[in-house]
PDB file of all heavy atoms in Angstrom:
ATOM      1  N   GLN A   1       5.924  -5.125 -11.689  1.00  0.00           N
ATOM      2  CA  GLN A   1       7.219  -5.674 -11.299  1.00  0.00           C
ATOM      3  C   GLN A   1       8.294  -4.632 -11.565  1.00  0.00           C
ATOM      4  O   GLN A   1       8.986  -4.646 -12.556  1.00  0.00           O
ATOM      5  CB  GLN A   1       7.511  -6.970 -12.060  1.00  0.00           C
ATOM      6  CG  GLN A   1       8.652  -7.775 -11.427  1.00  0.00           C
ATOM      7  CD  GLN A   1       8.737  -9.154 -12.019  1.00  0.00           C
ATOM      8  OE1 GLN A   1       7.872  -9.539 -12.799  1.00  0.00           O
ATOM      9  NE2 GLN A   1       9.749  -9.888 -11.654  1.00  0.00           N
ATOM     10  N   HIS A   2       8.443  -3.718 -10.645  1.00  0.00           N
ATOM     11  CA  HIS A   2       9.292  -2.558 -10.821  1.00  0.00           C
ATOM     12  C   HIS A   2      10.753  -2.930 -11.025  1.00  0.00           C
ATOM     13  O   HIS A   2      11.484  -2.282 -11.752  1.00  0.00           O
ATOM     14  CB  HIS A   2       9.137  -1.636  -9.602  1.00  0.00           C
ATOM     15  CG  HIS A   2       9.903  -0.354  -9.723  1.00  0.00           C
ATOM     16  ND1 HIS A   2      11.220  -0.247  -9.358  1.00  0.00           N
ATOM     17  CD2 HIS A   2       9.510   0.867 -10.189  1.00  0.00           C
ATOM     18  CE1 HIS A   2      11.626   0.978  -9.573  1.00  0.00           C
ATOM     19  NE2 HIS A   2      10.622   1.678 -10.077  1.00  0.00           N
ATOM     20  N   ASP A   3      11.224  -4.022 -10.414  1.00  0.00           N
ATOM     21  CA  ASP A   3      12.648  -4.321 -10.423  1.00  0.00           C
ATOM     22  C   ASP A   3      13.159  -4.842 -11.758  1.00  0.00           C
ATOM     23  O   ASP A   3      14.356  -4.979 -11.947  1.00  0.00           O
ATOM     24  CB  ASP A   3      12.991  -5.315  -9.311  1.00  0.00           C
ATOM     25  CG  ASP A   3      12.205  -6.597  -9.415  1.00  0.00           C
ATOM     26  OD1 ASP A   3      11.265  -6.628 -10.216  1.00  0.00           O
ATOM     27  OD2 ASP A   3      12.533  -7.550  -8.693  1.00  0.00           O
ATOM     28  N   ILE A   4      12.282  -5.135 -12.773  1.00  0.00           N
ATOM     29  CA  ILE A   4      12.768  -5.609 -14.061  1.00  0.00           C
ATOM     30  C   ILE A   4      12.859  -4.473 -15.068  1.00  0.00           C
ATOM     31  O   ILE A   4      13.161  -4.677 -16.233  1.00  0.00           O
ATOM     32  CB  ILE A   4      11.861  -6.715 -14.629  1.00  0.00           C
ATOM     33  CG1 ILE A   4      10.485  -6.159 -15.006  1.00  0.00           C
ATOM     34  CG2 ILE A   4      11.737  -7.873 -13.679  1.00  0.00           C
ATOM     35  CD1 ILE A   4       9.621  -7.155 -15.760  1.00  0.00           C
ATOM     36  N   CYS A   5      12.579  -3.242 -14.645  1.00  0.00           N
ATOM     37  CA  CYS A   5      12.512  -2.118 -15.567  1.00  0.00           C
ATOM     38  C   CYS A   5      13.817  -1.344 -15.630  1.00  0.00           C
ATOM     39  O   CYS A   5      13.835  -0.172 -15.979  1.00  0.00           O
ATOM     40  CB  CYS A   5      11.389  -1.162 -15.162  1.00  0.00           C
ATOM     41  SG  CYS A   5       9.776  -1.954 -15.212  1.00  0.00           S
ATOM     42  N   VAL A   6      14.907  -1.925 -15.213  1.00  0.00           N
ATOM     43  CA  VAL A   6      16.196  -1.235 -15.244  1.00  0.00           C
ATOM     44  C   VAL A   6      16.544  -0.878 -16.686  1.00  0.00           C
ATOM     45  O   VAL A   6      16.483  -1.711 -17.590  1.00  0.00           O
ATOM     46  CB  VAL A   6      17.299  -2.125 -14.640  1.00  0.00           C
ATOM     47  CG1 VAL A   6      18.644  -1.417 -14.722  1.00  0.00           C
ATOM     48  CG2 VAL A   6      16.943  -2.479 -13.213  1.00  0.00           C
ATOM     49  N   GLY A   7      16.907   0.374 -16.896  1.00  0.00           N
ATOM     50  CA  GLY A   7      17.333   0.823 -18.218  1.00  0.00           C
ATOM     51  C   GLY A   7      16.210   1.353 -19.078  1.00  0.00           C
ATOM     52  O   GLY A   7      16.459   1.909 -20.132  1.00  0.00           O
ATOM     53  N   LEU A   8      14.934   1.187 -18.629  1.00  0.00           N
ATOM     54  CA  LEU A   8      13.815   1.684 -19.413  1.00  0.00           C
ATOM     55  C   LEU A   8      13.488   3.112 -19.013  1.00  0.00           C
ATOM     56  O   LEU A   8      13.703   3.519 -17.866  1.00  0.00           O
ATOM     57  CB  LEU A   8      12.585   0.796 -19.202  1.00  0.00           C
ATOM     58  CG  LEU A   8      12.731  -0.668 -19.679  1.00  0.00           C
ATOM     59  CD1 LEU A   8      11.453  -1.420 -19.393  1.00  0.00           C
ATOM     60  CD2 LEU A   8      13.045  -0.709 -21.176  1.00  0.00           C
ATOM     61  N   LYS A   9      12.957   3.847 -19.904  1.00  0.00           N
ATOM     62  CA  LYS A   9      12.595   5.226 -19.635  1.00  0.00           C
ATOM     63  C   LYS A   9      11.434   5.275 -18.652  1.00  0.00           C
ATOM     64  O   LYS A   9      10.446   4.563 -18.806  1.00  0.00           O
ATOM     65  CB  LYS A   9      12.198   5.904 -20.944  1.00  0.00           C
ATOM     66  CG  LYS A   9      11.850   7.380 -20.773  1.00  0.00           C
ATOM     67  CD  LYS A   9      11.487   7.980 -22.116  1.00  0.00           C
ATOM     68  CE  LYS A   9      11.098   9.442 -21.964  1.00  0.00           C
ATOM     69  NZ  LYS A   9      10.719  10.050 -23.256  1.00  0.00           N
ATOM     70  N   HIS A  10      11.572   6.108 -17.610  1.00  0.00           N
ATOM     71  CA  HIS A  10      10.522   6.211 -16.584  1.00  0.00           C
ATOM     72  C   HIS A  10       9.388   7.099 -17.072  1.00  0.00           C
ATOM     73  O   HIS A  10       9.621   8.195 -17.579  1.00  0.00           O
ATOM     74  CB  HIS A  10      11.097   6.805 -15.294  1.00  0.00           C
ATOM     75  CG  HIS A  10      10.039   7.070 -14.257  1.00  0.00           C
ATOM     76  ND1 HIS A  10       9.361   6.067 -13.639  1.00  0.00           N
ATOM     77  CD2 HIS A  10       9.572   8.250 -13.773  1.00  0.00           C
ATOM     78  CE1 HIS A  10       8.511   6.594 -12.778  1.00  0.00           C
ATOM     79  NE2 HIS A  10       8.606   7.919 -12.852  1.00  0.00           N
ATOM     80  N   THR A  11       8.170   6.594 -16.959  1.00  0.00           N
ATOM     81  CA  THR A  11       6.986   7.361 -17.312  1.00  0.00           C
ATOM     82  C   THR A  11       6.187   7.616 -16.053  1.00  0.00           C
ATOM     83  O   THR A  11       5.854   6.662 -15.339  1.00  0.00           O
ATOM     84  CB  THR A  11       6.102   6.587 -18.307  1.00  0.00           C
ATOM     85  OG1 THR A  11       6.896   6.295 -19.456  1.00  0.00           O
ATOM     86  CG2 THR A  11       4.883   7.403 -18.696  1.00  0.00           C
ATOM     87  N   PRO A  12       5.886   8.858 -15.689  1.00  0.00           N
ATOM     88  CA  PRO A  12       5.127   9.146 -14.465  1.00  0.00           C
ATOM     89  C   PRO A  12       3.789   8.424 -14.479  1.00  0.00           C
ATOM     90  O   PRO A  12       3.147   8.305 -15.526  1.00  0.00           O
ATOM     91  CB  PRO A  12       4.926  10.671 -14.523  1.00  0.00           C
ATOM     92  CG  PRO A  12       6.007  11.160 -15.429  1.00  0.00           C
ATOM     93  CD  PRO A  12       6.201  10.080 -16.449  1.00  0.00           C
ATOM     94  N   PRO A  13       3.351   7.902 -13.335  1.00  0.00           N
ATOM     95  CA  PRO A  13       2.069   7.193 -13.282  1.00  0.00           C
ATOM     96  C   PRO A  13       0.914   8.144 -13.514  1.00  0.00           C
ATOM     97  O   PRO A  13       1.001   9.339 -13.254  1.00  0.00           O
ATOM     98  CB  PRO A  13       2.040   6.634 -11.846  1.00  0.00           C
ATOM     99  CG  PRO A  13       2.935   7.536 -11.057  1.00  0.00           C
ATOM    100  CD  PRO A  13       4.001   7.960 -12.005  1.00  0.00           C
ATOM    101  N   SER A  14      -0.151   7.572 -14.018  1.00  0.00           N
ATOM    102  CA  SER A  14      -1.371   8.340 -14.265  1.00  0.00           C
ATOM    103  C   SER A  14      -1.966   8.795 -12.947  1.00  0.00           C
ATOM    104  O   SER A  14      -1.852   8.110 -11.938  1.00  0.00           O
ATOM    105  CB  SER A  14      -2.368   7.451 -15.026  1.00  0.00           C
ATOM    106  OG  SER A  14      -3.659   8.003 -14.958  1.00  0.00           O
ATOM    107  N   PRO A  15      -2.643   9.959 -12.952  1.00  0.00           N
ATOM    108  CA  PRO A  15      -3.307  10.407 -11.715  1.00  0.00           C
ATOM    109  C   PRO A  15      -4.338   9.416 -11.225  1.00  0.00           C
ATOM    110  O   PRO A  15      -4.726   9.443 -10.066  1.00  0.00           O
ATOM    111  CB  PRO A  15      -3.971  11.738 -12.134  1.00  0.00           C
ATOM    112  CG  PRO A  15      -3.222  12.182 -13.347  1.00  0.00           C
ATOM    113  CD  PRO A  15      -2.783  10.941 -14.047  1.00  0.00           C
ATOM    114  N   HIS A  16      -4.807   8.534 -12.081  1.00  0.00           N
ATOM    115  CA  HIS A  16      -5.831   7.559 -11.681  1.00  0.00           C
ATOM    116  C   HIS A  16      -5.209   6.252 -11.207  1.00  0.00           C
ATOM    117  O   HIS A  16      -5.904   5.332 -10.814  1.00  0.00           O
ATOM    118  CB  HIS A  16      -6.774   7.288 -12.865  1.00  0.00           C
ATOM    119  CG  HIS A  16      -7.431   8.537 -13.386  1.00  0.00           C
ATOM    120  ND1 HIS A  16      -8.374   9.235 -12.672  1.00  0.00           N
ATOM    121  CD2 HIS A  16      -7.244   9.220 -14.547  1.00  0.00           C
ATOM    122  CE1 HIS A  16      -8.771  10.291 -13.366  1.00  0.00           C
ATOM    123  NE2 HIS A  16      -8.104  10.310 -14.518  1.00  0.00           N
ATOM    124  N   THR A  17      -3.871   6.168 -11.268  1.00  0.00           N
ATOM    125  CA  THR A  17      -3.224   4.933 -10.827  1.00  0.00           C
ATOM    126  C   THR A  17      -3.217   4.873  -9.306  1.00  0.00           C
ATOM    127  O   THR A  17      -2.867   5.844  -8.646  1.00  0.00           O
ATOM    128  CB  THR A  17      -1.769   4.868 -11.335  1.00  0.00           C
ATOM    129  OG1 THR A  17      -1.787   5.008 -12.748  1.00  0.00           O
ATOM    130  CG2 THR A  17      -1.120   3.570 -10.928  1.00  0.00           C
ATOM    131  N   VAL A  18      -3.610   3.736  -8.700  1.00  0.00           N
ATOM    132  CA  VAL A  18      -3.630   3.561  -7.252  1.00  0.00           C
ATOM    133  C   VAL A  18      -2.263   3.087  -6.786  1.00  0.00           C
ATOM    134  O   VAL A  18      -1.780   2.057  -7.254  1.00  0.00           O
ATOM    135  CB  VAL A  18      -4.701   2.523  -6.824  1.00  0.00           C
ATOM    136  CG1 VAL A  18      -4.665   2.323  -5.318  1.00  0.00           C
ATOM    137  CG2 VAL A  18      -6.074   2.980  -7.271  1.00  0.00           C
ATOM    138  N   PRO A  19      -1.554   3.834  -5.911  1.00  0.00           N
ATOM    139  CA  PRO A  19      -0.224   3.424  -5.472  1.00  0.00           C
ATOM    140  C   PRO A  19      -0.286   2.185  -4.598  1.00  0.00           C
ATOM    141  O   PRO A  19      -1.264   1.939  -3.904  1.00  0.00           O
ATOM    142  CB  PRO A  19       0.261   4.635  -4.665  1.00  0.00           C
ATOM    143  CG  PRO A  19      -0.978   5.324  -4.201  1.00  0.00           C
ATOM    144  CD  PRO A  19      -1.986   5.104  -5.279  1.00  0.00           C
ATOM    145  N   VAL A  20       0.772   1.421  -4.640  1.00  0.00           N
ATOM    146  CA  VAL A  20       0.858   0.209  -3.828  1.00  0.00           C
ATOM    147  C   VAL A  20       1.314   0.593  -2.416  1.00  0.00           C
ATOM    148  O   VAL A  20       2.311   1.285  -2.250  1.00  0.00           O
ATOM    149  CB  VAL A  20       1.857  -0.797  -4.430  1.00  0.00           C
ATOM    150  CG1 VAL A  20       1.981  -2.024  -3.545  1.00  0.00           C
ATOM    151  CG2 VAL A  20       1.410  -1.188  -5.826  1.00  0.00           C
ATOM    152  N   VAL A  21       0.581   0.195  -1.371  1.00  0.00           N
ATOM    153  CA  VAL A  21       0.876   0.563   0.011  1.00  0.00           C
ATOM    154  C   VAL A  21       1.349  -0.669   0.772  1.00  0.00           C
ATOM    155  O   VAL A  21       0.721  -1.719   0.703  1.00  0.00           O
ATOM    156  CB  VAL A  21      -0.374   1.166   0.698  1.00  0.00           C
ATOM    157  CG1 VAL A  21      -0.059   1.486   2.140  1.00  0.00           C
ATOM    158  CG2 VAL A  21      -0.837   2.411  -0.047  1.00  0.00           C
ATOM    159  N   SER A  22       2.450  -0.554   1.493  1.00  0.00           N
ATOM    160  CA  SER A  22       3.019  -1.705   2.205  1.00  0.00           C
ATOM    161  C   SER A  22       2.711  -1.697   3.696  1.00  0.00           C
ATOM    162  O   SER A  22       3.157  -2.579   4.414  1.00  0.00           O
ATOM    163  CB  SER A  22       4.540  -1.727   2.010  1.00  0.00           C
ATOM    164  OG  SER A  22       5.116  -0.523   2.504  1.00  0.00           O
ATOM    165  N   LYS A  23       1.985  -0.696   4.175  1.00  0.00           N
ATOM    166  CA  LYS A  23       1.683  -0.618   5.602  1.00  0.00           C
ATOM    167  C   LYS A  23       0.757  -1.740   6.035  1.00  0.00           C
ATOM    168  O   LYS A  23      -0.133  -2.149   5.300  1.00  0.00           O
ATOM    169  CB  LYS A  23       1.023   0.727   5.931  1.00  0.00           C
ATOM    170  CG  LYS A  23       1.969   1.905   5.949  1.00  0.00           C
ATOM    171  CD  LYS A  23       1.225   3.149   6.419  1.00  0.00           C
ATOM    172  CE  LYS A  23       2.160   4.344   6.492  1.00  0.00           C
ATOM    173  NZ  LYS A  23       1.444   5.549   6.981  1.00  0.00           N
ATOM    174  N   ARG A  24       0.971  -2.185   7.291  1.00  0.00           N
ATOM    175  CA  ARG A  24       0.070  -3.191   7.857  1.00  0.00           C
ATOM    176  C   ARG A  24      -1.258  -2.553   8.236  1.00  0.00           C
ATOM    177  O   ARG A  24      -1.335  -1.360   8.543  1.00  0.00           O
ATOM    178  CB  ARG A  24       0.697  -3.814   9.105  1.00  0.00           C
ATOM    179  CG  ARG A  24       1.750  -4.854   8.835  1.00  0.00           C
ATOM    180  CD  ARG A  24       1.843  -5.850   9.989  1.00  0.00           C
ATOM    181  NE  ARG A  24       2.197  -5.220  11.250  1.00  0.00           N
ATOM    182  CZ  ARG A  24       1.937  -5.770  12.429  1.00  0.00           C
ATOM    183  NH1 ARG A  24       1.287  -6.921  12.504  1.00  0.00           N
ATOM    184  NH2 ARG A  24       2.310  -5.165  13.541  1.00  0.00           N
ATOM    185  N   ASP A  25      -2.283  -3.362   8.259  1.00  0.00           N
ATOM    186  CA  ASP A  25      -3.600  -2.899   8.677  1.00  0.00           C
ATOM    187  C   ASP A  25      -3.532  -2.434  10.126  1.00  0.00           C
ATOM    188  O   ASP A  25      -2.948  -3.095  10.988  1.00  0.00           O
ATOM    189  CB  ASP A  25      -4.610  -4.042   8.534  1.00  0.00           C
ATOM    190  CG  ASP A  25      -5.997  -3.635   8.963  1.00  0.00           C
ATOM    191  OD1 ASP A  25      -6.671  -2.906   8.225  1.00  0.00           O
ATOM    192  OD2 ASP A  25      -6.408  -4.054  10.072  1.00  0.00           O
ATOM    193  N   TYR A  26      -4.134  -1.271  10.429  1.00  0.00           N
ATOM    194  CA  TYR A  26      -4.049  -0.710  11.773  1.00  0.00           C
ATOM    195  C   TYR A  26      -4.696  -1.629  12.812  1.00  0.00           C
ATOM    196  O   TYR A  26      -4.231  -1.722  13.951  1.00  0.00           O
ATOM    197  CB  TYR A  26      -4.715   0.663  11.812  1.00  0.00           C
ATOM    198  CG  TYR A  26      -3.909   1.761  11.151  1.00  0.00           C
ATOM    199  CD1 TYR A  26      -4.532   2.834  10.506  1.00  0.00           C
ATOM    200  CD2 TYR A  26      -2.522   1.742  11.190  1.00  0.00           C
ATOM    201  CE1 TYR A  26      -3.797   3.856   9.906  1.00  0.00           C
ATOM    202  CE2 TYR A  26      -1.774   2.757  10.596  1.00  0.00           C
ATOM    203  CZ  TYR A  26      -2.417   3.804   9.955  1.00  0.00           C
ATOM    204  OH  TYR A  26      -1.676   4.802   9.377  1.00  0.00           O
ATOM    205  N   TYR A  27      -5.780  -2.281  12.457  1.00  0.00           N
ATOM    206  CA  TYR A  27      -6.422  -3.209  13.395  1.00  0.00           C
ATOM    207  C   TYR A  27      -5.504  -4.396  13.681  1.00  0.00           C
ATOM    208  O   TYR A  27      -5.418  -4.888  14.816  1.00  0.00           O
ATOM    209  CB  TYR A  27      -7.752  -3.709  12.832  1.00  0.00           C
ATOM    210  CG  TYR A  27      -8.823  -2.646  12.760  1.00  0.00           C
ATOM    211  CD1 TYR A  27      -9.089  -1.967  11.571  1.00  0.00           C
ATOM    212  CD2 TYR A  27      -9.572  -2.317  13.889  1.00  0.00           C
ATOM    213  CE1 TYR A  27     -10.073  -0.989  11.494  1.00  0.00           C
ATOM    214  CE2 TYR A  27     -10.559  -1.344  13.833  1.00  0.00           C
ATOM    215  CZ  TYR A  27     -10.807  -0.682  12.633  1.00  0.00           C
ATOM    216  OH  TYR A  27     -11.772   0.281  12.573  1.00  0.00           O
ATOM    217  N   GLU A  28      -4.820  -4.844  12.669  1.00  0.00           N
ATOM    218  CA  GLU A  28      -3.858  -5.939  12.831  1.00  0.00           C
ATOM    219  C   GLU A  28      -2.702  -5.509  13.734  1.00  0.00           C
ATOM    220  O   GLU A  28      -2.224  -6.276  14.573  1.00  0.00           O
ATOM    221  CB  GLU A  28      -3.328  -6.366  11.465  1.00  0.00           C
ATOM    222  CG  GLU A  28      -2.312  -7.518  11.531  1.00  0.00           C
ATOM    223  CD  GLU A  28      -1.701  -7.815  10.174  1.00  0.00           C
ATOM    224  OE1 GLU A  28      -2.304  -7.419   9.150  1.00  0.00           O
ATOM    225  OE2 GLU A  28      -0.618  -8.424  10.142  1.00  0.00           O
ATOM    226  N   VAL A  29      -2.249  -4.266  13.562  1.00  0.00           N
ATOM    227  CA  VAL A  29      -1.148  -3.751  14.382  1.00  0.00           C
ATOM    228  C   VAL A  29      -1.512  -3.802  15.866  1.00  0.00           C
ATOM    229  O   VAL A  29      -0.703  -4.208  16.708  1.00  0.00           O
ATOM    230  CB  VAL A  29      -0.793  -2.308  13.966  1.00  0.00           C
ATOM    231  CG1 VAL A  29       0.174  -1.681  14.975  1.00  0.00           C
ATOM    232  CG2 VAL A  29      -0.196  -2.291  12.572  1.00  0.00           C
ATOM    233  N   LEU A  30      -2.731  -3.376  16.197  1.00  0.00           N
ATOM    234  CA  LEU A  30      -3.163  -3.361  17.599  1.00  0.00           C
ATOM    235  C   LEU A  30      -3.714  -4.708  18.065  1.00  0.00           C
ATOM    236  O   LEU A  30      -3.977  -4.894  19.261  1.00  0.00           O
ATOM    237  CB  LEU A  30      -4.230  -2.279  17.813  1.00  0.00           C
ATOM    238  CG  LEU A  30      -3.772  -0.833  17.605  1.00  0.00           C
ATOM    239  CD1 LEU A  30      -4.914   0.131  17.904  1.00  0.00           C
ATOM    240  CD2 LEU A  30      -2.580  -0.509  18.483  1.00  0.00           C
ATOM    241  N   GLY A  31      -3.903  -5.629  17.125  1.00  0.00           N
ATOM    242  CA  GLY A  31      -4.388  -6.952  17.498  1.00  0.00           C
ATOM    243  C   GLY A  31      -5.835  -6.966  17.940  1.00  0.00           C
ATOM    244  O   GLY A  31      -6.207  -7.724  18.839  1.00  0.00           O
ATOM    245  N   VAL A  32      -6.673  -6.116  17.329  1.00  0.00           N
ATOM    246  CA  VAL A  32      -8.088  -6.046  17.685  1.00  0.00           C
ATOM    247  C   VAL A  32      -8.950  -6.278  16.448  1.00  0.00           C
ATOM    248  O   VAL A  32      -8.495  -6.122  15.307  1.00  0.00           O
ATOM    249  CB  VAL A  32      -8.454  -4.678  18.314  1.00  0.00           C
ATOM    250  CG1 VAL A  32      -7.711  -4.480  19.631  1.00  0.00           C
ATOM    251  CG2 VAL A  32      -8.154  -3.531  17.355  1.00  0.00           C
ATOM    252  N   ASP A  33     -10.192  -6.616  16.680  1.00  0.00           N
ATOM    253  CA  ASP A  33     -11.158  -6.821  15.599  1.00  0.00           C
ATOM    254  C   ASP A  33     -11.672  -5.476  15.113  1.00  0.00           C
ATOM    255  O   ASP A  33     -11.621  -4.472  15.828  1.00  0.00           O
ATOM    256  CB  ASP A  33     -12.329  -7.675  16.125  1.00  0.00           C
ATOM    257  CG  ASP A  33     -13.283  -8.072  15.023  1.00  0.00           C
ATOM    258  OD1 ASP A  33     -12.973  -9.036  14.299  1.00  0.00           O
ATOM    259  OD2 ASP A  33     -14.321  -7.404  14.882  1.00  0.00           O
ATOM    260  N   ARG A  34     -12.171  -5.438  13.880  1.00  0.00           N
ATOM    261  CA  ARG A  34     -12.708  -4.191  13.326  1.00  0.00           C
ATOM    262  C   ARG A  34     -13.941  -3.715  14.084  1.00  0.00           C
ATOM    263  O   ARG A  34     -14.311  -2.546  14.000  1.00  0.00           O
ATOM    264  CB  ARG A  34     -13.048  -4.362  11.844  1.00  0.00           C
ATOM    265  CG  ARG A  34     -11.810  -4.404  10.957  1.00  0.00           C
ATOM    266  CD  ARG A  34     -12.137  -4.472   9.486  1.00  0.00           C
ATOM    267  NE  ARG A  34     -10.940  -4.297   8.682  1.00  0.00           N
ATOM    268  CZ  ARG A  34     -10.468  -3.136   8.276  1.00  0.00           C
ATOM    269  NH1 ARG A  34     -11.122  -2.020   8.588  1.00  0.00           N
ATOM    270  NH2 ARG A  34      -9.354  -3.058   7.569  1.00  0.00           N
ATOM    271  N   LYS A  35     -14.586  -4.593  14.817  1.00  0.00           N
ATOM    272  CA  LYS A  35     -15.748  -4.211  15.617  1.00  0.00           C
ATOM    273  C   LYS A  35     -15.356  -3.897  17.060  1.00  0.00           C
ATOM    274  O   LYS A  35     -16.223  -3.766  17.928  1.00  0.00           O
ATOM    275  CB  LYS A  35     -16.792  -5.328  15.589  1.00  0.00           C
ATOM    276  CG  LYS A  35     -17.357  -5.603  14.199  1.00  0.00           C
ATOM    277  CD  LYS A  35     -18.398  -6.713  14.242  1.00  0.00           C
ATOM    278  CE  LYS A  35     -18.972  -7.000  12.852  1.00  0.00           C
ATOM    279  NZ  LYS A  35     -19.976  -8.095  12.880  1.00  0.00           N
ATOM    280  N   ALA A  36     -14.063  -3.779  17.339  1.00  0.00           N
ATOM    281  CA  ALA A  36     -13.590  -3.531  18.700  1.00  0.00           C
ATOM    282  C   ALA A  36     -14.116  -2.198  19.225  1.00  0.00           C
ATOM    283  O   ALA A  36     -14.234  -1.222  18.489  1.00  0.00           O
ATOM    284  CB  ALA A  36     -12.056  -3.538  18.734  1.00  0.00           C
ATOM    285  N   SER A  37     -14.433  -2.177  20.524  1.00  0.00           N
ATOM    286  CA  SER A  37     -14.922  -0.957  21.145  1.00  0.00           C
ATOM    287  C   SER A  37     -13.772   0.013  21.401  1.00  0.00           C
ATOM    288  O   SER A  37     -12.593  -0.337  21.279  1.00  0.00           O
ATOM    289  CB  SER A  37     -15.609  -1.275  22.475  1.00  0.00           C
ATOM    290  OG  SER A  37     -14.659  -1.777  23.411  1.00  0.00           O
ATOM    291  N   GLU A  38     -14.129   1.237  21.763  1.00  0.00           N
ATOM    292  CA  GLU A  38     -13.109   2.252  22.072  1.00  0.00           C
ATOM    293  C   GLU A  38     -12.217   1.800  23.223  1.00  0.00           C
ATOM    294  O   GLU A  38     -10.997   1.971  23.194  1.00  0.00           O
ATOM    295  CB  GLU A  38     -13.803   3.572  22.422  1.00  0.00           C
ATOM    296  CG  GLU A  38     -12.828   4.715  22.716  1.00  0.00           C
ATOM    297  CD  GLU A  38     -13.559   6.000  23.066  1.00  0.00           C
ATOM    298  OE1 GLU A  38     -14.794   6.053  22.887  1.00  0.00           O
ATOM    299  OE2 GLU A  38     -12.889   6.946  23.537  1.00  0.00           O
ATOM    300  N   ASN A  39     -12.836   1.183  24.243  1.00  0.00           N
ATOM    301  CA  ASN A  39     -12.051   0.711  25.389  1.00  0.00           C
ATOM    302  C   ASN A  39     -11.115  -0.431  24.998  1.00  0.00           C
ATOM    303  O   ASN A  39      -9.992  -0.533  25.515  1.00  0.00           O
ATOM    304  CB  ASN A  39     -12.978   0.255  26.517  1.00  0.00           C
ATOM    305  CG  ASN A  39     -13.610   1.419  27.246  1.00  0.00           C
ATOM    306  OD1 ASN A  39     -13.078   2.535  27.236  1.00  0.00           O
ATOM    307  ND2 ASN A  39     -14.742   1.191  27.874  1.00  0.00           N
TER     308      ASN A  39
END
């Protein structure tokens, strides 16, 4: 919960920390199933 950390000292994330990604799934963007053909 990043927004409650106001005023706290920032500590760089560990190299093993997985960043949070907000992008939509590419298959969802195109509206196709994961088994969709090239065509």
